[in-house]
Amino acid sequence: MIAITVYQDADGNKTGFSSEGHAGFAESGYDIICAGVSALVINFINSAELLCGAKYSLDTDQETGMIDFRLEEPATGDVALLMESMILGLKGIQKDYGNEYIILNFKEV
């Protein structure tokens, strides 16, 4: 299962996220859930950096599927919109395929 935790401050502003695990929907290379989650997450990170100039820290581990992304400042403007778009896509995958493969949580930090 892929576990995704979205971090937010007391005002609900998103500050980052972590994603860990593999969906286990199909064998490696054929898992459409892992591919969908990866596309959404990587596209968000690339877009936040290249299109919006967001400053962040990033830690990854390909073996475990871990990605830990932390913004230096809470998301605002275009970065906030991009993050909400990523979350919308992740919720769609969760709705279509269920909590057996992907779980999305929100945590105040």
N, C-alpha and C. Protein backbone atom coordinates (compact mmCIF):
# COMPACT_ATOMS: atom_id res chain seq x y z
N MET A 1 0.83 -1.17 0.00
CA MET A 1 0.00 0.00 0.00
C MET A 1 0.89 1.25 0.00
N ILE A 2 0.41 2.28 -0.70
CA ILE A 2 1.09 3.57 -0.68
C ILE A 2 0.43 4.42 0.39
N ALA A 3 1.22 4.91 1.32
CA ALA A 3 0.72 5.79 2.38
C ALA A 3 1.24 7.20 2.11
N ILE A 4 0.32 8.14 1.96
CA ILE A 4 0.69 9.52 1.69
C ILE A 4 0.18 10.39 2.84
N THR A 5 1.07 11.18 3.40
CA THR A 5 0.70 12.12 4.45
C THR A 5 0.99 13.52 3.95
N VAL A 6 -0.04 14.36 3.94
CA VAL A 6 0.10 15.76 3.54
C VAL A 6 0.23 16.57 4.82
N TYR A 7 1.27 17.37 4.89
CA TYR A 7 1.53 18.19 6.06
C TYR A 7 0.95 19.58 5.86
N GLN A 8 0.37 20.12 6.93
CA GLN A 8 -0.19 21.47 6.87
C GLN A 8 -0.01 22.16 8.21
N ASP A 9 -0.01 23.49 8.17
CA ASP A 9 0.13 24.25 9.40
C ASP A 9 -1.24 24.42 10.07
N ALA A 10 -1.29 25.14 11.17
CA ALA A 10 -2.53 25.31 11.93
C ALA A 10 -3.62 26.02 11.13
N ASP A 11 -3.22 26.80 10.12
CA ASP A 11 -4.19 27.50 9.28
C ASP A 11 -4.63 26.69 8.07
N GLY A 12 -4.11 25.46 7.94
CA GLY A 12 -4.48 24.60 6.82
C GLY A 12 -3.62 24.80 5.59
N ASN A 13 -2.59 25.64 5.67
CA ASN A 13 -1.68 25.84 4.54
C ASN A 13 -0.76 24.63 4.41
N LYS A 14 -0.67 24.08 3.22
CA LYS A 14 0.15 22.89 2.99
C LYS A 14 1.63 23.26 3.08
N THR A 15 2.39 22.39 3.76
CA THR A 15 3.82 22.62 3.94
C THR A 15 4.68 21.51 3.34
N GLY A 16 4.06 20.45 2.87
CA GLY A 16 4.80 19.35 2.27
C GLY A 16 4.01 18.07 2.33
N PHE A 17 4.70 16.98 2.01
CA PHE A 17 4.06 15.66 2.06
C PHE A 17 5.12 14.58 2.11
N SER A 18 4.69 13.41 2.51
CA SER A 18 5.54 12.23 2.39
C SER A 18 4.71 11.12 1.75
N SER A 19 5.38 10.32 0.99
CA SER A 19 4.75 9.17 0.32
C SER A 19 5.68 8.00 0.51
N GLU A 20 5.11 6.86 0.87
CA GLU A 20 5.96 5.69 1.08
C GLU A 20 5.19 4.43 0.74
N GLY A 21 5.92 3.48 0.17
CA GLY A 21 5.36 2.17 -0.12
C GLY A 21 5.08 1.97 -1.60
N HIS A 22 4.61 0.79 -1.88
CA HIS A 22 4.23 0.40 -3.24
C HIS A 22 2.81 -0.14 -3.17
N ALA A 23 2.02 0.14 -4.18
CA ALA A 23 0.60 -0.21 -4.15
C ALA A 23 0.38 -1.73 -4.09
N GLY A 24 1.16 -2.48 -4.82
CA GLY A 24 0.94 -3.93 -4.86
C GLY A 24 -0.26 -4.32 -5.70
N PHE A 25 -0.69 -3.43 -6.58
CA PHE A 25 -1.84 -3.70 -7.46
C PHE A 25 -1.47 -4.71 -8.54
N ALA A 26 -0.23 -4.61 -9.03
CA ALA A 26 0.27 -5.51 -10.08
C ALA A 26 1.77 -5.62 -9.89
N GLU A 27 2.40 -6.50 -10.65
CA GLU A 27 3.84 -6.66 -10.52
C GLU A 27 4.57 -5.40 -10.98
N SER A 28 5.78 -5.25 -10.49
CA SER A 28 6.58 -4.07 -10.80
C SER A 28 6.66 -3.85 -12.31
N GLY A 29 6.47 -2.62 -12.71
CA GLY A 29 6.49 -2.28 -14.13
C GLY A 29 5.11 -2.29 -14.77
N TYR A 30 4.13 -2.87 -14.07
CA TYR A 30 2.77 -2.96 -14.59
C TYR A 30 1.74 -2.40 -13.61
N ASP A 31 2.21 -1.81 -12.53
CA ASP A 31 1.32 -1.33 -11.47
C ASP A 31 0.83 0.07 -11.82
N ILE A 32 -0.41 0.17 -12.30
CA ILE A 32 -0.93 1.46 -12.74
C ILE A 32 -1.17 2.42 -11.58
N ILE A 33 -1.39 1.91 -10.39
CA ILE A 33 -1.57 2.80 -9.24
C ILE A 33 -0.24 3.46 -8.89
N CYS A 34 0.83 2.67 -8.81
CA CYS A 34 2.15 3.25 -8.54
C CYS A 34 2.53 4.25 -9.63
N ALA A 35 2.24 3.91 -10.87
CA ALA A 35 2.57 4.81 -11.97
C ALA A 35 1.79 6.12 -11.87
N GLY A 36 0.51 6.04 -11.55
CA GLY A 36 -0.31 7.23 -11.42
C GLY A 36 0.15 8.12 -10.28
N VAL A 37 0.41 7.52 -9.12
CA VAL A 37 0.87 8.28 -7.96
C VAL A 37 2.22 8.92 -8.28
N SER A 38 3.12 8.15 -8.86
CA SER A 38 4.45 8.69 -9.20
C SER A 38 4.34 9.86 -10.16
N ALA A 39 3.49 9.75 -11.17
CA ALA A 39 3.33 10.83 -12.14
C ALA A 39 2.82 12.10 -11.47
N LEU A 40 1.81 11.97 -10.60
CA LEU A 40 1.26 13.13 -9.92
C LEU A 40 2.29 13.79 -9.01
N VAL A 41 2.98 12.98 -8.21
CA VAL A 41 3.93 13.50 -7.23
C VAL A 41 5.13 14.14 -7.93
N ILE A 42 5.72 13.45 -8.89
CA ILE A 42 6.91 13.97 -9.57
C ILE A 42 6.56 15.21 -10.39
N ASN A 43 5.40 15.20 -11.04
CA ASN A 43 5.00 16.39 -11.80
C ASN A 43 4.79 17.58 -10.87
N PHE A 44 4.20 17.36 -9.70
CA PHE A 44 4.04 18.47 -8.75
C PHE A 44 5.40 19.03 -8.36
N ILE A 45 6.33 18.17 -7.97
CA ILE A 45 7.65 18.63 -7.52
C ILE A 45 8.34 19.42 -8.64
N ASN A 46 8.35 18.87 -9.84
CA ASN A 46 9.00 19.55 -10.98
C ASN A 46 8.32 20.88 -11.28
N SER A 47 6.99 20.91 -11.27
CA SER A 47 6.25 22.13 -11.57
C SER A 47 6.47 23.19 -10.50
N ALA A 48 6.44 22.79 -9.23
CA ALA A 48 6.65 23.74 -8.14
C ALA A 48 8.03 24.40 -8.26
N GLU A 49 9.02 23.59 -8.62
CA GLU A 49 10.39 24.13 -8.74
C GLU A 49 10.57 24.95 -10.01
N LEU A 50 10.26 24.34 -11.16
CA LEU A 50 10.60 24.96 -12.44
C LEU A 50 9.64 26.07 -12.85
N LEU A 51 8.36 25.94 -12.52
CA LEU A 51 7.39 26.95 -12.92
C LEU A 51 7.16 28.03 -11.87
N CYS A 52 7.36 27.65 -10.60
CA CYS A 52 7.04 28.58 -9.51
C CYS A 52 8.25 29.02 -8.69
N GLY A 53 9.38 28.37 -8.89
CA GLY A 53 10.58 28.73 -8.13
C GLY A 53 10.51 28.37 -6.66
N ALA A 54 9.68 27.38 -6.30
CA ALA A 54 9.53 26.99 -4.90
C ALA A 54 10.85 26.47 -4.34
N LYS A 55 11.10 26.82 -3.10
CA LYS A 55 12.28 26.33 -2.37
C LYS A 55 11.81 25.22 -1.44
N TYR A 56 12.54 24.11 -1.43
CA TYR A 56 12.11 22.94 -0.68
C TYR A 56 13.27 22.02 -0.38
N SER A 57 13.01 21.04 0.50
CA SER A 57 13.96 19.95 0.71
C SER A 57 13.28 18.67 0.24
N LEU A 58 14.09 17.74 -0.22
CA LEU A 58 13.56 16.50 -0.78
C LEU A 58 14.45 15.35 -0.36
N ASP A 59 13.82 14.29 0.11
CA ASP A 59 14.53 13.06 0.46
C ASP A 59 13.79 11.92 -0.22
N THR A 60 14.54 11.01 -0.85
CA THR A 60 13.91 9.89 -1.56
C THR A 60 14.64 8.58 -1.29
N ASP A 61 13.91 7.49 -1.47
CA ASP A 61 14.49 6.15 -1.40
C ASP A 61 13.70 5.29 -2.39
N GLN A 62 14.32 5.01 -3.53
CA GLN A 62 13.64 4.28 -4.59
C GLN A 62 13.21 2.87 -4.14
N GLU A 63 14.01 2.24 -3.32
CA GLU A 63 13.72 0.88 -2.85
C GLU A 63 12.39 0.81 -2.11
N THR A 64 12.16 1.76 -1.21
CA THR A 64 10.93 1.75 -0.41
C THR A 64 9.82 2.59 -1.03
N GLY A 65 10.15 3.35 -2.07
CA GLY A 65 9.17 4.24 -2.68
C GLY A 65 8.95 5.51 -1.87
N MET A 66 9.88 5.83 -0.98
CA MET A 66 9.71 6.98 -0.10
C MET A 66 10.10 8.27 -0.80
N ILE A 67 9.22 9.26 -0.67
CA ILE A 67 9.50 10.63 -1.09
C ILE A 67 9.05 11.52 0.05
N ASP A 68 9.94 12.34 0.56
CA ASP A 68 9.60 13.30 1.61
C ASP A 68 9.92 14.69 1.08
N PHE A 69 8.89 15.49 0.88
CA PHE A 69 9.00 16.81 0.28
C PHE A 69 8.54 17.84 1.30
N ARG A 70 9.40 18.83 1.61
CA ARG A 70 9.05 19.88 2.58
C ARG A 70 9.35 21.25 1.99
N LEU A 71 8.32 22.08 1.92
CA LEU A 71 8.50 23.45 1.46
C LEU A 71 9.19 24.28 2.54
N GLU A 72 10.02 25.23 2.13
CA GLU A 72 10.64 26.13 3.10
C GLU A 72 9.62 27.08 3.71
N GLU A 73 8.60 27.44 2.94
CA GLU A 73 7.50 28.30 3.38
C GLU A 73 6.19 27.60 3.02
N PRO A 74 5.12 27.80 3.80
CA PRO A 74 3.83 27.19 3.43
C PRO A 74 3.42 27.57 2.01
N ALA A 75 2.75 26.65 1.35
CA ALA A 75 2.34 26.86 -0.04
C ALA A 75 1.34 28.01 -0.15
N THR A 76 1.59 28.89 -1.11
CA THR A 76 0.67 29.97 -1.43
C THR A 76 0.60 30.08 -2.94
N GLY A 77 -0.38 30.82 -3.43
CA GLY A 77 -0.48 31.10 -4.86
C GLY A 77 -0.44 29.86 -5.73
N ASP A 78 0.41 29.92 -6.74
CA ASP A 78 0.48 28.83 -7.72
C ASP A 78 0.95 27.51 -7.10
N VAL A 79 1.86 27.58 -6.14
CA VAL A 79 2.34 26.35 -5.50
C VAL A 79 1.19 25.68 -4.75
N ALA A 80 0.37 26.47 -4.07
CA ALA A 80 -0.79 25.93 -3.36
C ALA A 80 -1.76 25.29 -4.35
N LEU A 81 -1.98 25.95 -5.49
CA LEU A 81 -2.87 25.40 -6.52
C LEU A 81 -2.33 24.09 -7.07
N LEU A 82 -1.04 24.05 -7.35
CA LEU A 82 -0.44 22.81 -7.84
C LEU A 82 -0.56 21.68 -6.82
N MET A 83 -0.36 21.99 -5.54
CA MET A 83 -0.46 20.96 -4.51
C MET A 83 -1.90 20.47 -4.38
N GLU A 84 -2.86 21.38 -4.43
CA GLU A 84 -4.27 20.97 -4.37
C GLU A 84 -4.63 20.11 -5.57
N SER A 85 -4.07 20.41 -6.72
CA SER A 85 -4.30 19.59 -7.92
C SER A 85 -3.73 18.19 -7.73
N MET A 86 -2.52 18.10 -7.17
CA MET A 86 -1.93 16.79 -6.88
C MET A 86 -2.82 16.01 -5.92
N ILE A 87 -3.27 16.67 -4.86
CA ILE A 87 -4.11 16.01 -3.86
C ILE A 87 -5.42 15.55 -4.49
N LEU A 88 -6.01 16.36 -5.35
CA LEU A 88 -7.24 15.98 -6.06
C LEU A 88 -7.02 14.69 -6.86
N GLY A 89 -5.90 14.62 -7.57
CA GLY A 89 -5.58 13.42 -8.33
C GLY A 89 -5.38 12.20 -7.45
N LEU A 90 -4.68 12.38 -6.33
CA LEU A 90 -4.45 11.28 -5.39
C LEU A 90 -5.77 10.79 -4.79
N LYS A 91 -6.66 11.73 -4.44
CA LYS A 91 -7.98 11.35 -3.91
C LYS A 91 -8.78 10.58 -4.95
N GLY A 92 -8.64 10.96 -6.22
CA GLY A 92 -9.32 10.25 -7.29
C GLY A 92 -8.84 8.80 -7.40
N ILE A 93 -7.54 8.60 -7.31
CA ILE A 93 -6.99 7.25 -7.35
C ILE A 93 -7.49 6.46 -6.15
N GLN A 94 -7.48 7.08 -4.97
CA GLN A 94 -7.96 6.41 -3.76
C GLN A 94 -9.42 6.03 -3.90
N LYS A 95 -10.24 6.92 -4.43
CA LYS A 95 -11.66 6.64 -4.60
C LYS A 95 -11.89 5.49 -5.59
N ASP A 96 -11.14 5.50 -6.69
CA ASP A 96 -11.33 4.49 -7.73
C ASP A 96 -10.80 3.12 -7.35
N TYR A 97 -9.70 3.07 -6.59
CA TYR A 97 -9.05 1.79 -6.31
C TYR A 97 -9.13 1.36 -4.85
N GLY A 98 -9.42 2.27 -3.95
CA GLY A 98 -9.65 1.91 -2.55
C GLY A 98 -8.44 2.00 -1.66
N ASN A 99 -8.72 1.96 -0.36
CA ASN A 99 -7.70 2.09 0.68
C ASN A 99 -6.78 0.88 0.76
N GLU A 100 -7.09 -0.17 0.05
CA GLU A 100 -6.22 -1.35 0.03
C GLU A 100 -4.90 -1.03 -0.68
N TYR A 101 -4.93 -0.05 -1.59
CA TYR A 101 -3.75 0.27 -2.39
C TYR A 101 -3.14 1.63 -2.09
N ILE A 102 -3.97 2.57 -1.65
CA ILE A 102 -3.47 3.92 -1.37
C ILE A 102 -4.31 4.54 -0.25
N ILE A 103 -3.62 5.16 0.68
CA ILE A 103 -4.29 5.87 1.77
C ILE A 103 -3.71 7.26 1.85
N LEU A 104 -4.57 8.24 2.03
CA LEU A 104 -4.17 9.64 2.07
C LEU A 104 -4.59 10.22 3.41
N ASN A 105 -3.61 10.78 4.12
CA ASN A 105 -3.85 11.38 5.44
C ASN A 105 -3.37 12.82 5.43
N PHE A 106 -3.90 13.60 6.37
CA PHE A 106 -3.48 14.99 6.55
C PHE A 106 -3.03 15.15 7.99
N LYS A 107 -1.91 15.85 8.17
CA LYS A 107 -1.33 15.99 9.51
C LYS A 107 -0.89 17.42 9.74
N GLU A 108 -1.28 17.98 10.88
CA GLU A 108 -0.85 19.32 11.24
C GLU A 108 0.56 19.24 11.85
N VAL A 109 1.44 20.08 11.33
CA VAL A 109 2.82 20.10 11.84
C VAL A 109 3.20 21.49 12.28
